[in-house]
């Protein structure tokens, strides 16, 4: 009498539920990352311009609100401290409220030029 003691493995792994789970996780992370990218903005009434050009790449931004308070990355900053936080870059955007005095904007421009930043853009709506 011949006995077969060797059992064949009947384990079968179905890949479709695993792939579905991975797609759900991918969708979750894409949605989560897209909500983290939203930039917190200040309440600044930007001036309008007829010849405005849209810039899509991220550029460091200096914001000035209606009370002439300076902001760097959403945090208040003094005019004298601005030179120390500006990155080593060749471009910067100034986001100033339409009621800010020209004197304040010129002071910010002076600080930017001290950091050897050559291209300064003014954000409009």
PDB file of N, CA and C in Angstrom:
ATOM      1  N   UNK A   1       0.824  -1.153   0.000  1.00  0.00           N
ATOM      2  CA  UNK A   1       0.000   0.000   0.000  1.00  0.00           C
ATOM      3  C   UNK A   1       0.888   1.242   0.000  1.00  0.00           C
ATOM      4  N   UNK A   2       0.552   2.183  -0.877  1.00  0.00           N
ATOM      5  CA  UNK A   2       1.342   3.397  -1.033  1.00  0.00           C
ATOM      6  C   UNK A   2       0.582   4.548  -0.370  1.00  0.00           C
ATOM      7  N   UNK A   3       1.250   5.146   0.574  1.00  0.00           N
ATOM      8  CA  UNK A   3       0.658   6.302   1.264  1.00  0.00           C
ATOM      9  C   UNK A   3       1.390   7.576   0.825  1.00  0.00           C
ATOM     10  N   UNK A   4       0.626   8.546   0.509  1.00  0.00           N
ATOM     11  CA  UNK A   4       1.216   9.845   0.158  1.00  0.00           C
ATOM     12  C   UNK A   4       1.083  10.778   1.358  1.00  0.00           C
ATOM     13  N   UNK A   5       2.167  11.069   1.967  1.00  0.00           N
ATOM     14  CA  UNK A   5       2.134  11.945   3.146  1.00  0.00           C
ATOM     15  C   UNK A   5       2.426  13.407   2.772  1.00  0.00           C
ATOM     16  N   UNK A   6       2.799  13.614   1.564  1.00  0.00           N
ATOM     17  CA  UNK A   6       3.107  14.972   1.125  1.00  0.00           C
ATOM     18  C   UNK A   6       1.815  15.682   0.750  1.00  0.00           C
ATOM     19  N   UNK A   7       1.567  16.839   1.419  1.00  0.00           N
ATOM     20  CA  UNK A   7       0.366  17.604   1.113  1.00  0.00           C
ATOM     21  C   UNK A   7       0.728  18.771   0.202  1.00  0.00           C
ATOM     22  N   UNK A   8      -0.130  18.989  -0.723  1.00  0.00           N
ATOM     23  CA  UNK A   8       0.079  20.134  -1.602  1.00  0.00           C
ATOM     24  C   UNK A   8      -0.488  21.377  -0.926  1.00  0.00           C
ATOM     25  N   UNK A   9       0.243  22.454  -1.046  1.00  0.00           N
ATOM     26  CA  UNK A   9      -0.184  23.716  -0.431  1.00  0.00           C
ATOM     27  C   UNK A   9      -1.325  24.308  -1.244  1.00  0.00           C
ATOM     28  N   UNK A  10      -2.402  24.597  -0.576  1.00  0.00           N
ATOM     29  CA  UNK A  10      -3.570  25.162  -1.245  1.00  0.00           C
ATOM     30  C   UNK A  10      -3.730  26.646  -0.910  1.00  0.00           C
ATOM     31  N   UNK A  11      -2.657  27.304  -0.535  1.00  0.00           N
ATOM     32  CA  UNK A  11      -2.726  28.723  -0.173  1.00  0.00           C
ATOM     33  C   UNK A  11      -2.733  29.547  -1.455  1.00  0.00           C
ATOM     34  N   UNK A  12      -3.705  30.409  -1.542  1.00  0.00           N
ATOM     35  CA  UNK A  12      -3.824  31.279  -2.711  1.00  0.00           C
ATOM     36  C   UNK A  12      -4.038  32.713  -2.212  1.00  0.00           C
ATOM     37  N   UNK A  13      -3.152  33.610  -2.591  1.00  0.00           N
ATOM     38  CA  UNK A  13      -3.255  35.006  -2.161  1.00  0.00           C
ATOM     39  C   UNK A  13      -3.898  35.795  -3.293  1.00  0.00           C
ATOM     40  N   UNK A  14      -5.034  36.388  -2.976  1.00  0.00           N
ATOM     41  CA  UNK A  14      -5.744  37.187  -3.970  1.00  0.00           C
ATOM     42  C   UNK A  14      -5.192  38.609  -3.930  1.00  0.00           C
ATOM     43  N   UNK A  15      -4.668  39.093  -5.041  1.00  0.00           N
ATOM     44  CA  UNK A  15      -4.007  40.395  -5.098  1.00  0.00           C
ATOM     45  C   UNK A  15      -4.975  41.566  -5.280  1.00  0.00           C
ATOM     46  N   UNK A  16      -6.161  41.324  -5.748  1.00  0.00           N
ATOM     47  CA  UNK A  16      -7.096  42.420  -6.046  1.00  0.00           C
ATOM     48  C   UNK A  16      -7.468  43.212  -4.787  1.00  0.00           C
ATOM     49  N   UNK A  17      -7.813  42.606  -3.652  1.00  0.00           N
ATOM     50  CA  UNK A  17      -8.095  43.418  -2.463  1.00  0.00           C
ATOM     51  C   UNK A  17      -6.874  44.214  -1.983  1.00  0.00           C
ATOM     52  N   UNK A  18      -5.689  43.641  -2.146  1.00  0.00           N
ATOM     53  CA  UNK A  18      -4.480  44.348  -1.756  1.00  0.00           C
ATOM     54  C   UNK A  18      -4.267  45.583  -2.637  1.00  0.00           C
ATOM     55  N   UNK A  19      -4.459  45.442  -3.917  1.00  0.00           N
ATOM     56  CA  UNK A  19      -4.312  46.568  -4.840  1.00  0.00           C
ATOM     57  C   UNK A  19      -5.369  47.633  -4.552  1.00  0.00           C
ATOM     58  N   UNK A  20      -6.597  47.214  -4.286  1.00  0.00           N
ATOM     59  CA  UNK A  20      -7.652  48.168  -3.938  1.00  0.00           C
ATOM     60  C   UNK A  20      -7.293  48.947  -2.678  1.00  0.00           C
ATOM     61  N   UNK A  21      -6.759  48.266  -1.693  1.00  0.00           N
ATOM     62  CA  UNK A  21      -6.364  48.931  -0.448  1.00  0.00           C
ATOM     63  C   UNK A  21      -5.254  49.940  -0.693  1.00  0.00           C
ATOM     64  N   UNK A  22      -4.304  49.590  -1.540  1.00  0.00           N
ATOM     65  CA  UNK A  22      -3.223  50.518  -1.854  1.00  0.00           C
ATOM     66  C   UNK A  22      -3.734  51.755  -2.583  1.00  0.00           C
ATOM     67  N   UNK A  23      -4.690  51.591  -3.487  1.00  0.00           N
ATOM     68  CA  UNK A  23      -5.263  52.750  -4.172  1.00  0.00           C
ATOM     69  C   UNK A  23      -6.023  53.658  -3.214  1.00  0.00           C
ATOM     70  N   UNK A  24      -6.719  53.064  -2.259  1.00  0.00           N
ATOM     71  CA  UNK A  24      -7.424  53.871  -1.252  1.00  0.00           C
ATOM     72  C   UNK A  24      -6.422  54.651  -0.414  1.00  0.00           C
ATOM     73  N   UNK A  25      -5.331  54.015   0.006  1.00  0.00           N
ATOM     74  CA  UNK A  25      -4.296  54.714   0.770  1.00  0.00           C
ATOM     75  C   UNK A  25      -3.641  55.825  -0.049  1.00  0.00           C
ATOM     76  N   UNK A  26      -3.381  55.557  -1.317  1.00  0.00           N
ATOM     77  CA  UNK A  26      -2.797  56.569  -2.191  1.00  0.00           C
ATOM     78  C   UNK A  26      -3.716  57.772  -2.324  1.00  0.00           C
ATOM     79  N   UNK A  27      -4.999  57.514  -2.529  1.00  0.00           N
ATOM     80  CA  UNK A  27      -5.969  58.611  -2.635  1.00  0.00           C
ATOM     81  C   UNK A  27      -6.023  59.403  -1.334  1.00  0.00           C
ATOM     82  N   UNK A  28      -6.002  58.716  -0.185  1.00  0.00           N
ATOM     83  CA  UNK A  28      -6.024  59.397   1.108  1.00  0.00           C
ATOM     84  C   UNK A  28      -4.818  60.316   1.253  1.00  0.00           C
ATOM     85  N   UNK A  29      -3.624  59.831   0.932  1.00  0.00           N
ATOM     86  CA  UNK A  29      -2.424  60.655   1.082  1.00  0.00           C
ATOM     87  C   UNK A  29      -2.406  61.815   0.101  1.00  0.00           C
ATOM     88  N   UNK A  30      -2.893  61.622  -1.108  1.00  0.00           N
ATOM     89  CA  UNK A  30      -2.954  62.730  -2.062  1.00  0.00           C
ATOM     90  C   UNK A  30      -3.894  63.827  -1.575  1.00  0.00           C
ATOM     91  N   UNK A  31      -5.031  63.453  -1.039  1.00  0.00           N
ATOM     92  CA  UNK A  31      -5.973  64.449  -0.520  1.00  0.00           C
ATOM     93  C   UNK A  31      -5.394  65.123   0.716  1.00  0.00           C
ATOM     94  N   UNK A  32      -4.764  64.359   1.589  1.00  0.00           N
ATOM     95  CA  UNK A  32      -4.182  64.932   2.805  1.00  0.00           C
ATOM     96  C   UNK A  32      -3.071  65.919   2.478  1.00  0.00           C
ATOM     97  N   UNK A  33      -2.218  65.582   1.532  1.00  0.00           N
ATOM     98  CA  UNK A  33      -1.121  66.473   1.156  1.00  0.00           C
ATOM     99  C   UNK A  33      -1.655  67.729   0.472  1.00  0.00           C
ATOM    100  N   UNK A  34      -2.672  67.586  -0.342  1.00  0.00           N
ATOM    101  CA  UNK A  34      -3.200  68.769  -1.029  1.00  0.00           C
ATOM    102  C   UNK A  34      -3.838  69.752  -0.061  1.00  0.00           C
ATOM    103  N   UNK A  35      -4.374  69.283   1.057  1.00  0.00           N
ATOM    104  CA  UNK A  35      -4.939  70.215   2.041  1.00  0.00           C
ATOM    105  C   UNK A  35      -3.850  70.855   2.888  1.00  0.00           C
ATOM    106  N   UNK A  36      -2.691  70.244   3.000  1.00  0.00           N
ATOM    107  CA  UNK A  36      -1.599  70.833   3.767  1.00  0.00           C
ATOM    108  C   UNK A  36      -0.911  71.950   3.004  1.00  0.00           C
ATOM    109  N   UNK A  37      -1.023  71.967   1.694  1.00  0.00           N
ATOM    110  CA  UNK A  37      -0.336  72.948   0.872  1.00  0.00           C
ATOM    111  C   UNK A  37      -1.034  74.299   0.892  1.00  0.00           C
ATOM    112  N   UNK A  38      -2.260  74.352   1.342  1.00  0.00           N
ATOM    113  CA  UNK A  38      -3.012  75.598   1.341  1.00  0.00           C
ATOM    114  C   UNK A  38      -2.263  76.636   2.164  1.00  0.00           C
ATOM    115  N   UNK A  39      -1.993  77.774   1.543  1.00  0.00           N
ATOM    116  CA  UNK A  39      -1.238  78.822   2.192  1.00  0.00           C
ATOM    117  C   UNK A  39      -2.161  79.675   3.052  1.00  0.00           C
ATOM    118  N   UNK A  40      -1.749  79.893   4.297  1.00  0.00           N
ATOM    119  CA  UNK A  40      -2.509  80.780   5.164  1.00  0.00           C
ATOM    120  C   UNK A  40      -2.235  82.203   4.719  1.00  0.00           C
ATOM    121  N   UNK A  41      -3.277  82.948   4.447  1.00  0.00           N
ATOM    122  CA  UNK A  41      -3.097  84.295   3.937  1.00  0.00           C
ATOM    123  C   UNK A  41      -3.554  85.323   4.952  1.00  0.00           C
ATOM    124  N   UNK A  42      -3.008  86.495   4.823  1.00  0.00           N
ATOM    125  CA  UNK A  42      -3.389  87.620   5.650  1.00  0.00           C
ATOM    126  C   UNK A  42      -4.516  88.365   4.959  1.00  0.00           C
ATOM    127  N   UNK A  43      -5.221  89.177   5.713  1.00  0.00           N
ATOM    128  CA  UNK A  43      -6.295  89.959   5.095  1.00  0.00           C
ATOM    129  C   UNK A  43      -5.690  91.224   4.491  1.00  0.00           C
ATOM    130  N   UNK A  44      -5.204  91.081   3.293  1.00  0.00           N
ATOM    131  CA  UNK A  44      -4.577  92.186   2.570  1.00  0.00           C
ATOM    132  C   UNK A  44      -5.407  92.473   1.334  1.00  0.00           C
ATOM    133  N   UNK A  45      -5.791  93.717   1.165  1.00  0.00           N
ATOM    134  CA  UNK A  45      -6.520  94.148  -0.026  1.00  0.00           C
ATOM    135  C   UNK A  45      -5.482  94.562  -1.070  1.00  0.00           C
ATOM    136  N   UNK A  46      -5.227  93.687  -2.021  1.00  0.00           N
ATOM    137  CA  UNK A  46      -4.203  93.941  -3.029  1.00  0.00           C
ATOM    138  C   UNK A  46      -4.697  94.945  -4.057  1.00  0.00           C
ATOM    139  N   UNK A  47      -3.797  95.780  -4.565  1.00  0.00           N
ATOM    140  CA  UNK A  47      -4.192  96.688  -5.638  1.00  0.00           C
ATOM    141  C   UNK A  47      -4.394  95.913  -6.935  1.00  0.00           C
ATOM    142  N   UNK A  48      -5.182  96.458  -7.824  1.00  0.00           N
ATOM    143  CA  UNK A  48      -5.415  95.784  -9.106  1.00  0.00           C
ATOM    144  C   UNK A  48      -4.471  96.347 -10.162  1.00  0.00           C
ATOM    145  N   UNK A  49      -4.182  95.535 -11.168  1.00  0.00           N
ATOM    146  CA  UNK A  49      -3.311  95.936 -12.269  1.00  0.00           C
ATOM    147  C   UNK A  49      -3.837  95.312 -13.550  1.00  0.00           C
ATOM    148  N   UNK A  50      -3.797  96.091 -14.612  1.00  0.00           N
ATOM    149  CA  UNK A  50      -4.292  95.607 -15.898  1.00  0.00           C
ATOM    150  C   UNK A  50      -3.300  94.667 -16.575  1.00  0.00           C
ATOM    151  N   UNK A  51      -2.028  94.772 -16.239  1.00  0.00           N
ATOM    152  CA  UNK A  51      -1.001  93.972 -16.905  1.00  0.00           C
ATOM    153  C   UNK A  51      -0.415  92.902 -15.985  1.00  0.00           C
ATOM    154  N   UNK A  52      -1.201  92.400 -15.054  1.00  0.00           N
ATOM    155  CA  UNK A  52      -0.714  91.399 -14.107  1.00  0.00           C
ATOM    156  C   UNK A  52      -0.387  90.087 -14.806  1.00  0.00           C
ATOM    157  N   UNK A  53       0.656  89.413 -14.324  1.00  0.00           N
ATOM    158  CA  UNK A  53       1.101  88.123 -14.860  1.00  0.00           C
ATOM    159  C   UNK A  53       1.049  87.109 -13.725  1.00  0.00           C
ATOM    160  N   UNK A  54       0.560  85.909 -14.010  1.00  0.00           N
ATOM    161  CA  UNK A  54       0.455  84.862 -12.999  1.00  0.00           C
ATOM    162  C   UNK A  54       1.768  84.108 -12.883  1.00  0.00           C
ATOM    163  N   UNK A  55       2.235  83.937 -11.627  1.00  0.00           N
ATOM    164  CA  UNK A  55       3.445  83.167 -11.348  1.00  0.00           C
ATOM    165  C   UNK A  55       3.012  81.892 -10.643  1.00  0.00           C
ATOM    166  N   UNK A  56       3.447  80.736 -11.162  1.00  0.00           N
ATOM    167  CA  UNK A  56       2.995  79.465 -10.603  1.00  0.00           C
ATOM    168  C   UNK A  56       3.996  78.830  -9.646  1.00  0.00           C
ATOM    169  N   UNK A  57       5.256  79.207  -9.715  1.00  0.00           N
ATOM    170  CA  UNK A  57       6.259  78.586  -8.854  1.00  0.00           C
ATOM    171  C   UNK A  57       6.311  79.288  -7.496  1.00  0.00           C
ATOM    172  N   UNK A  58       6.688  78.567  -6.445  1.00  0.00           N
ATOM    173  CA  UNK A  58       6.756  79.194  -5.124  1.00  0.00           C
ATOM    174  C   UNK A  58       7.934  80.155  -5.024  1.00  0.00           C
ATOM    175  N   UNK A  59       7.647  81.381  -4.608  1.00  0.00           N
ATOM    176  CA  UNK A  59       8.656  82.424  -4.451  1.00  0.00           C
ATOM    177  C   UNK A  59       8.482  83.000  -3.052  1.00  0.00           C
ATOM    178  N   UNK A  60       9.584  83.266  -2.319  1.00  0.00           N
ATOM    179  CA  UNK A  60       9.458  83.864  -0.986  1.00  0.00           C
ATOM    180  C   UNK A  60       8.657  85.163  -1.040  1.00  0.00           C
ATOM    181  N   UNK A  61       7.775  85.359  -0.035  1.00  0.00           N
ATOM    182  CA  UNK A  61       6.858  86.494  -0.043  1.00  0.00           C
ATOM    183  C   UNK A  61       6.967  87.297   1.241  1.00  0.00           C
ATOM    184  N   UNK A  62       7.046  88.615   1.084  1.00  0.00           N
ATOM    185  CA  UNK A  62       6.989  89.551   2.201  1.00  0.00           C
ATOM    186  C   UNK A  62       5.619  90.209   2.131  1.00  0.00           C
ATOM    187  N   UNK A  63       4.854  90.164   3.226  1.00  0.00           N
ATOM    188  CA  UNK A  63       3.508  90.736   3.248  1.00  0.00           C
ATOM    189  C   UNK A  63       3.491  91.975   4.136  1.00  0.00           C
ATOM    190  N   UNK A  64       2.698  92.975   3.720  1.00  0.00           N
ATOM    191  CA  UNK A  64       2.508  94.195   4.500  1.00  0.00           C
ATOM    192  C   UNK A  64       1.011  94.438   4.577  1.00  0.00           C
ATOM    193  N   UNK A  65       0.457  94.441   5.798  1.00  0.00           N
ATOM    194  CA  UNK A  65      -0.984  94.630   5.938  1.00  0.00           C
ATOM    195  C   UNK A  65      -1.339  96.119   5.983  1.00  0.00           C
ATOM    196  N   UNK A  66      -2.624  96.435   6.160  1.00  0.00           N
ATOM    197  CA  UNK A  66      -3.099  97.820   6.134  1.00  0.00           C
ATOM    198  C   UNK A  66      -2.527  98.644   7.284  1.00  0.00           C
ATOM    199  N   UNK A  67      -2.120  97.979   8.369  1.00  0.00           N
ATOM    200  CA  UNK A  67      -1.514  98.686   9.507  1.00  0.00           C
ATOM    201  C   UNK A  67      -0.007  98.819   9.350  1.00  0.00           C
ATOM    202  N   UNK A  68       0.509  98.486   8.183  1.00  0.00           N
ATOM    203  CA  UNK A  68       1.922  98.564   7.828  1.00  0.00           C
ATOM    204  C   UNK A  68       2.795  97.640   8.686  1.00  0.00           C
ATOM    205  N   UNK A  69       2.222  96.511   9.089  1.00  0.00           N
ATOM    206  CA  UNK A  69       2.962  95.474   9.816  1.00  0.00           C
ATOM    207  C   UNK A  69       3.530  94.501   8.792  1.00  0.00           C
ATOM    208  N   UNK A  70       4.810  94.185   8.912  1.00  0.00           N
ATOM    209  CA  UNK A  70       5.473  93.259   7.995  1.00  0.00           C
ATOM    210  C   UNK A  70       5.274  91.820   8.466  1.00  0.00           C
ATOM    211  N   UNK A  71       5.170  90.908   7.495  1.00  0.00           N
ATOM    212  CA  UNK A  71       5.036  89.473   7.786  1.00  0.00           C
ATOM    213  C   UNK A  71       5.972  88.699   6.868  1.00  0.00           C
ATOM    214  N   UNK A  72       6.647  87.719   7.448  1.00  0.00           N
ATOM    215  CA  UNK A  72       7.478  86.794   6.684  1.00  0.00           C
ATOM    216  C   UNK A  72       6.975  85.387   7.003  1.00  0.00           C
ATOM    217  N   UNK A  73       6.519  84.676   6.012  1.00  0.00           N
ATOM    218  CA  UNK A  73       5.940  83.338   6.170  1.00  0.00           C
ATOM    219  C   UNK A  73       4.788  83.346   7.165  1.00  0.00           C
ATOM    220  N   UNK A  74       3.981  84.397   7.139  1.00  0.00           N
ATOM    221  CA  UNK A  74       2.812  84.491   7.986  1.00  0.00           C
ATOM    222  C   UNK A  74       3.088  84.947   9.409  1.00  0.00           C
ATOM    223  N   UNK A  75       4.351  85.162   9.751  1.00  0.00           N
ATOM    224  CA  UNK A  75       4.726  85.581  11.103  1.00  0.00           C
ATOM    225  C   UNK A  75       5.133  87.055  11.089  1.00  0.00           C
ATOM    226  N   UNK A  76       4.665  87.846  12.069  1.00  0.00           N
ATOM    227  CA  UNK A  76       5.068  89.256  12.127  1.00  0.00           C
ATOM    228  C   UNK A  76       6.575  89.381  12.303  1.00  0.00           C
ATOM    229  N   UNK A  77       7.142  90.398  11.668  1.00  0.00           N
ATOM    230  CA  UNK A  77       8.587  90.615  11.738  1.00  0.00           C
ATOM    231  C   UNK A  77       8.853  92.111  11.669  1.00  0.00           C
ATOM    232  N   UNK A  78       9.912  92.552  12.324  1.00  0.00           N
ATOM    233  CA  UNK A  78      10.311  93.962  12.275  1.00  0.00           C
ATOM    234  C   UNK A  78      11.088  94.216  10.991  1.00  0.00           C
ATOM    235  N   UNK A  79      11.078  95.466  10.560  1.00  0.00           N
ATOM    236  CA  UNK A  79      11.770  95.836   9.322  1.00  0.00           C
ATOM    237  C   UNK A  79      13.260  95.541   9.421  1.00  0.00           C
ATOM    238  N   UNK A  80      13.870  95.829  10.558  1.00  0.00           N
ATOM    239  CA  UNK A  80      15.313  95.600  10.723  1.00  0.00           C
ATOM    240  C   UNK A  80      15.664  94.114  10.712  1.00  0.00           C
ATOM    241  N   UNK A  81      14.757  93.258  11.160  1.00  0.00           N
ATOM    242  CA  UNK A  81      15.018  91.819  11.211  1.00  0.00           C
ATOM    243  C   UNK A  81      14.812  91.143   9.859  1.00  0.00           C
ATOM    244  N   UNK A  82      14.253  91.869   8.910  1.00  0.00           N
ATOM    245  CA  UNK A  82      13.947  91.284   7.598  1.00  0.00           C
ATOM    246  C   UNK A  82      15.204  90.835   6.870  1.00  0.00           C
ATOM    247  N   UNK A  83      16.285  91.586   6.989  1.00  0.00           N
ATOM    248  CA  UNK A  83      17.528  91.235   6.303  1.00  0.00           C
ATOM    249  C   UNK A  83      18.058  89.885   6.764  1.00  0.00           C
ATOM    250  N   UNK A  84      17.873  89.550   8.029  1.00  0.00           N
ATOM    251  CA  UNK A  84      18.388  88.292   8.562  1.00  0.00           C
ATOM    252  C   UNK A  84      17.610  87.063   8.146  1.00  0.00           C
ATOM    253  N   UNK A  85      16.342  87.225   7.750  1.00  0.00           N
ATOM    254  CA  UNK A  85      15.542  86.047   7.417  1.00  0.00           C
ATOM    255  C   UNK A  85      15.397  85.811   5.921  1.00  0.00           C
ATOM    256  N   UNK A  86      15.749  86.775   5.100  1.00  0.00           N
ATOM    257  CA  UNK A  86      15.612  86.593   3.649  1.00  0.00           C
ATOM    258  C   UNK A  86      16.558  85.493   3.174  1.00  0.00           C
ATOM    259  N   UNK A  87      16.052  84.557   2.385  1.00  0.00           N
ATOM    260  CA  UNK A  87      16.896  83.444   1.929  1.00  0.00           C
ATOM    261  C   UNK A  87      17.850  83.873   0.820  1.00  0.00           C
ATOM    262  N   UNK A  88      18.777  82.994   0.539  1.00  0.00           N
ATOM    263  CA  UNK A  88      19.701  83.215  -0.576  1.00  0.00           C
ATOM    264  C   UNK A  88      18.970  82.875  -1.866  1.00  0.00           C
ATOM    265  N   UNK A  89      18.289  83.841  -2.403  1.00  0.00           N
ATOM    266  CA  UNK A  89      17.512  83.648  -3.625  1.00  0.00           C
ATOM    267  C   UNK A  89      17.680  84.880  -4.493  1.00  0.00           C
ATOM    268  N   UNK A  90      17.242  84.788  -5.731  1.00  0.00           N
ATOM    269  CA  UNK A  90      17.368  85.942  -6.617  1.00  0.00           C
ATOM    270  C   UNK A  90      16.038  86.652  -6.829  1.00  0.00           C
ATOM    271  N   UNK A  91      14.932  86.113  -6.238  1.00  0.00           N
ATOM    272  CA  UNK A  91      13.619  86.716  -6.429  1.00  0.00           C
ATOM    273  C   UNK A  91      12.836  86.744  -5.131  1.00  0.00           C
ATOM    274  N   UNK A  92      11.965  87.745  -5.017  1.00  0.00           N
ATOM    275  CA  UNK A  92      11.076  87.849  -3.869  1.00  0.00           C
ATOM    276  C   UNK A  92       9.809  88.593  -4.311  1.00  0.00           C
ATOM    277  N   UNK A  93       8.690  88.283  -3.656  1.00  0.00           N
ATOM    278  CA  UNK A  93       7.421  88.955  -3.950  1.00  0.00           C
ATOM    279  C   UNK A  93       7.053  89.823  -2.760  1.00  0.00           C
ATOM    280  N   UNK A  94       6.631  91.058  -3.038  1.00  0.00           N
ATOM    281  CA  UNK A  94       6.106  91.942  -1.999  1.00  0.00           C
ATOM    282  C   UNK A  94       4.604  91.986  -2.170  1.00  0.00           C
ATOM    283  N   UNK A  95       3.906  91.649  -1.088  1.00  0.00           N
ATOM    284  CA  UNK A  95       2.446  91.592  -1.068  1.00  0.00           C
ATOM    285  C   UNK A  95       1.991  92.712  -0.136  1.00  0.00           C
ATOM    286  N   UNK A  96       1.655  93.876  -0.676  1.00  0.00           N
ATOM    287  CA  UNK A  96       1.316  95.030   0.162  1.00  0.00           C
ATOM    288  C   UNK A  96      -0.145  95.414  -0.020  1.00  0.00           C
ATOM    289  N   UNK A  97      -0.786  95.786   1.082  1.00  0.00           N
ATOM    290  CA  UNK A  97      -2.152  96.291   1.031  1.00  0.00           C
ATOM    291  C   UNK A  97      -2.166  97.571   0.199  1.00  0.00           C
ATOM    292  N   UNK A  98      -3.283  97.830  -0.469  1.00  0.00           N
ATOM    293  CA  UNK A  98      -3.346  98.990  -1.359  1.00  0.00           C
ATOM    294  C   UNK A  98      -3.295 100.321  -0.612  1.00  0.00           C
ATOM    295  N   UNK A  99      -3.480 100.307   0.708  1.00  0.00           N
ATOM    296  CA  UNK A  99      -3.453 101.542   1.493  1.00  0.00           C
ATOM    297  C   UNK A  99      -2.125 101.767   2.209  1.00  0.00           C
ATOM    298  N   UNK A 100      -1.136 100.950   1.960  1.00  0.00           N
ATOM    299  CA  UNK A 100       0.177 101.107   2.584  1.00  0.00           C
ATOM    300  C   UNK A 100       0.900 102.285   1.944  1.00  0.00           C
ATOM    301  N   UNK A 101       1.556 103.080   2.808  1.00  0.00           N
ATOM    302  CA  UNK A 101       2.299 104.231   2.286  1.00  0.00           C
ATOM    303  C   UNK A 101       3.501 103.775   1.453  1.00  0.00           C
ATOM    304  N   UNK A 102       3.844 104.566   0.503  1.00  0.00           N
ATOM    305  CA  UNK A 102       4.969 104.261  -0.374  1.00  0.00           C
ATOM    306  C   UNK A 102       6.276 104.195   0.415  1.00  0.00           C
ATOM    307  N   UNK A 103       6.379 104.975   1.463  1.00  0.00           N
ATOM    308  CA  UNK A 103       7.582 105.001   2.296  1.00  0.00           C
ATOM    309  C   UNK A 103       7.901 103.613   2.845  1.00  0.00           C
ATOM    310  N   UNK A 104       6.893 102.886   3.306  1.00  0.00           N
ATOM    311  CA  UNK A 104       7.100 101.556   3.876  1.00  0.00           C
ATOM    312  C   UNK A 104       7.569 100.578   2.799  1.00  0.00           C
ATOM    313  N   UNK A 105       6.970 100.664   1.627  1.00  0.00           N
ATOM    314  CA  UNK A 105       7.362  99.772   0.531  1.00  0.00           C
ATOM    315  C   UNK A 105       8.803 100.040   0.114  1.00  0.00           C
ATOM    316  N   UNK A 106       9.206 101.295   0.077  1.00  0.00           N
ATOM    317  CA  UNK A 106      10.588 101.633  -0.288  1.00  0.00           C
ATOM    318  C   UNK A 106      11.559 101.118   0.777  1.00  0.00           C
ATOM    319  N   UNK A 107      11.188 101.190   2.053  1.00  0.00           N
ATOM    320  CA  UNK A 107      12.042 100.653   3.113  1.00  0.00           C
ATOM    321  C   UNK A 107      12.215  99.146   2.959  1.00  0.00           C
ATOM    322  N   UNK A 108      11.146  98.452   2.608  1.00  0.00           N
ATOM    323  CA  UNK A 108      11.228  97.005   2.386  1.00  0.00           C
ATOM    324  C   UNK A 108      12.110  96.724   1.169  1.00  0.00           C
ATOM    325  N   UNK A 109      11.956  97.505   0.120  1.00  0.00           N
ATOM    326  CA  UNK A 109      12.797  97.335  -1.068  1.00  0.00           C
ATOM    327  C   UNK A 109      14.275  97.525  -0.726  1.00  0.00           C
ATOM    328  N   UNK A 110      14.585  98.503   0.126  1.00  0.00           N
ATOM    329  CA  UNK A 110      15.977  98.707   0.550  1.00  0.00           C
ATOM    330  C   UNK A 110      16.526  97.484   1.270  1.00  0.00           C
ATOM    331  N   UNK A 111      15.714  96.900   2.164  1.00  0.00           N
ATOM    332  CA  UNK A 111      16.159  95.702   2.880  1.00  0.00           C
ATOM    333  C   UNK A 111      16.382  94.536   1.918  1.00  0.00           C
ATOM    334  N   UNK A 112      15.520  94.412   0.932  1.00  0.00           N
ATOM    335  CA  UNK A 112      15.649  93.336  -0.054  1.00  0.00           C
ATOM    336  C   UNK A 112      16.914  93.522  -0.884  1.00  0.00           C
ATOM    337  N   UNK A 113      17.187  94.743  -1.299  1.00  0.00           N
ATOM    338  CA  UNK A 113      18.377  95.015  -2.115  1.00  0.00           C
ATOM    339  C   UNK A 113      19.667  94.800  -1.315  1.00  0.00           C
ATOM    340  N   UNK A 114      19.619  94.995   0.006  1.00  0.00           N
ATOM    341  CA  UNK A 114      20.796  94.733   0.840  1.00  0.00           C
ATOM    342  C   UNK A 114      21.160  93.256   0.833  1.00  0.00           C
ATOM    343  N   UNK A 115      20.201  92.408   0.573  1.00  0.00           N
ATOM    344  CA  UNK A 115      20.450  90.961   0.489  1.00  0.00           C
ATOM    345  C   UNK A 115      20.806  90.515  -0.918  1.00  0.00           C
ATOM    346  N   UNK A 116      21.100  91.437  -1.798  1.00  0.00           N
ATOM    347  CA  UNK A 116      21.520  91.138  -3.172  1.00  0.00           C
ATOM    348  C   UNK A 116      20.441  90.433  -3.974  1.00  0.00           C
ATOM    349  N   UNK A 117      19.170  90.662  -3.636  1.00  0.00           N
ATOM    350  CA  UNK A 117      18.070  90.088  -4.400  1.00  0.00           C
ATOM    351  C   UNK A 117      17.774  91.048  -5.545  1.00  0.00           C
ATOM    352  N   UNK A 118      17.874  90.555  -6.766  1.00  0.00           N
ATOM    353  CA  UNK A 118      17.788  91.412  -7.942  1.00  0.00           C
ATOM    354  C   UNK A 118      16.366  91.556  -8.491  1.00  0.00           C
ATOM    355  N   UNK A 119      15.545  90.535  -8.374  1.00  0.00           N
ATOM    356  CA  UNK A 119      14.207  90.569  -8.948  1.00  0.00           C
ATOM    357  C   UNK A 119      13.179  90.693  -7.839  1.00  0.00           C
ATOM    358  N   UNK A 120      12.439  91.802  -7.832  1.00  0.00           N
ATOM    359  CA  UNK A 120      11.399  92.047  -6.850  1.00  0.00           C
ATOM    360  C   UNK A 120      10.085  92.204  -7.590  1.00  0.00           C
ATOM    361  N   UNK A 121       9.096  91.400  -7.214  1.00  0.00           N
ATOM    362  CA  UNK A 121       7.782  91.460  -7.838  1.00  0.00           C
ATOM    363  C   UNK A 121       6.757  91.974  -6.816  1.00  0.00           C
ATOM    364  N   UNK A 122       5.781  92.737  -7.293  1.00  0.00           N
ATOM    365  CA  UNK A 122       4.714  93.236  -6.438  1.00  0.00           C
ATOM    366  C   UNK A 122       3.442  92.488  -6.811  1.00  0.00           C
ATOM    367  N   UNK A 123       2.831  91.850  -5.820  1.00  0.00           N
ATOM    368  CA  UNK A 123       1.617  91.059  -6.085  1.00  0.00           C
ATOM    369  C   UNK A 123       0.417  91.958  -6.185  1.00  0.00           C
ATOM    370  N   UNK A 124      -0.417  91.697  -7.194  1.00  0.00           N
ATOM    371  CA  UNK A 124      -1.662  92.428  -7.415  1.00  0.00           C
ATOM    372  C   UNK A 124      -2.786  91.413  -7.555  1.00  0.00           C
ATOM    373  N   UNK A 125      -4.009  91.936  -7.699  1.00  0.00           N
ATOM    374  CA  UNK A 125      -5.124  90.990  -7.930  1.00  0.00           C
ATOM    375  C   UNK A 125      -5.523  91.020  -9.374  1.00  0.00           C
TER     376      UNK A 125
END
